[in-house]
Protein backbone atom coordinates (compact mmCIF):
# COMPACT_ATOMS: atom_id res chain seq x y z
CA MET A 1 -116.44 -96.63 -70.90
CA PRO A 2 -112.92 -96.95 -69.48
CA LYS A 3 -112.41 -98.92 -66.29
CA VAL A 4 -110.10 -97.96 -63.43
CA THR A 5 -109.06 -100.71 -61.02
CA PHE A 6 -107.47 -100.09 -57.63
CA LYS A 7 -105.22 -103.14 -57.29
CA THR A 8 -105.01 -103.00 -53.49
CA THR A 9 -108.74 -103.69 -53.08
CA GLY A 10 -109.60 -105.11 -56.49
CA GLN A 11 -112.37 -102.55 -56.85
CA THR A 12 -113.11 -101.56 -60.46
CA VAL A 13 -115.19 -98.60 -61.56
CA GLU A 14 -116.30 -97.40 -64.97
CA VAL A 15 -115.58 -93.75 -65.70
CA PRO A 16 -116.31 -91.39 -68.58
CA LYS A 17 -113.45 -91.06 -71.04
CA GLY A 18 -111.35 -88.03 -70.09
CA LYS A 19 -112.19 -88.12 -66.37
CA ASN A 20 -109.42 -86.96 -64.07
CA LEU A 21 -107.84 -89.82 -62.10
CA ARG A 22 -107.83 -87.71 -58.91
CA GLU A 23 -111.61 -87.39 -59.14
CA VAL A 24 -112.00 -91.16 -59.59
CA ILE A 25 -109.84 -91.83 -56.53
CA GLN A 26 -111.63 -89.30 -54.34
CA GLU A 27 -115.12 -90.36 -55.41
CA ASN A 28 -114.36 -93.97 -54.48
CA GLY A 29 -112.60 -93.28 -51.18
CA TRP A 30 -109.35 -94.93 -52.20
CA PRO A 31 -106.58 -94.09 -49.69
CA ILE A 32 -104.33 -91.86 -51.81
CA PRO A 33 -103.48 -88.40 -50.42
CA PHE A 34 -103.68 -85.16 -52.38
CA GLY A 35 -101.85 -81.92 -51.72
CA CYS A 36 -101.55 -79.06 -54.18
CA GLU A 37 -103.42 -80.79 -57.06
CA ASN A 38 -101.20 -78.89 -59.52
CA GLY A 39 -98.63 -81.59 -60.24
CA ILE A 40 -95.97 -79.99 -58.07
CA CYS A 41 -96.06 -81.58 -54.59
CA GLY A 42 -96.03 -85.26 -55.60
CA THR A 43 -98.31 -86.49 -52.80
CA CYS A 44 -100.67 -88.23 -55.23
CA LEU A 45 -98.01 -90.44 -56.80
CA VAL A 46 -99.55 -93.72 -58.00
CA GLN A 47 -98.01 -96.73 -59.64
CA ILE A 48 -99.53 -97.61 -63.00
CA VAL A 49 -99.71 -101.41 -62.90
CA SER A 50 -101.17 -101.61 -66.40
CA GLY A 51 -102.68 -99.30 -68.96
CA LYS A 52 -100.19 -96.42 -68.83
CA GLU A 53 -100.83 -95.93 -72.54
CA ASN A 54 -104.46 -95.19 -71.62
CA LEU A 55 -103.61 -92.01 -69.70
CA GLU A 56 -103.12 -88.59 -71.25
CA PRO A 57 -99.44 -87.86 -71.99
CA ILE A 58 -97.30 -86.37 -69.24
CA GLN A 59 -97.18 -82.57 -69.30
CA GLU A 60 -94.19 -80.42 -68.29
CA ALA A 61 -95.10 -79.75 -64.62
CA GLU A 62 -95.79 -83.42 -63.92
CA ASP A 63 -92.63 -84.47 -65.78
CA GLN A 64 -90.48 -82.12 -63.70
CA THR A 65 -92.01 -83.37 -60.44
CA LEU A 66 -91.60 -87.03 -61.42
CA LYS A 67 -87.96 -86.42 -62.35
CA ALA A 68 -87.31 -84.64 -59.03
CA MET A 69 -88.83 -87.63 -57.21
CA GLY A 70 -86.77 -90.14 -59.21
CA GLN A 71 -89.96 -91.60 -60.69
CA ALA A 72 -89.65 -90.62 -64.36
CA ASN A 73 -89.48 -94.27 -65.50
CA GLY A 74 -93.05 -94.27 -66.83
CA ASP A 75 -94.43 -96.61 -64.17
CA HIS A 76 -95.67 -93.79 -61.93
CA ARG A 77 -97.93 -90.81 -62.48
CA LEU A 78 -99.40 -88.00 -60.42
CA ALA A 79 -103.11 -88.78 -60.18
CA CYS A 80 -104.06 -85.11 -60.14
CA GLN A 81 -102.54 -84.72 -63.61
CA CYS A 82 -103.99 -87.79 -65.37
CA GLU A 83 -107.02 -88.06 -67.56
CA VAL A 84 -108.29 -91.59 -68.11
CA MET A 85 -108.70 -92.50 -71.78
CA GLY A 86 -108.91 -96.30 -71.41
CA ASP A 87 -108.62 -99.14 -68.90
CA VAL A 88 -106.03 -98.58 -66.14
CA VAL A 89 -104.92 -100.50 -63.04
CA ILE A 90 -103.32 -98.40 -60.30
CA GLU A 91 -101.73 -99.00 -56.93
CA GLY A 92 -101.25 -96.36 -54.24
């Protein structure tokens, strides 16, 4: 099973492949806010420290929001739009 690590605390959890990153964050009480949950508001922006290749590819709505926020460099994602396919380390 893939592992998601929250760098700030060092906590690592195993998750089923394909689990939404927002769900992982909320279930573990990690301090990342959520707004619309549709990839539009940008409140759930997280830095992908490692494993960005282990997240589902960016879809159009998320891409537009990341570009508007100046974060389209590939190091950040919107947690509400990510499905975990392999090991990932994130930072809020």
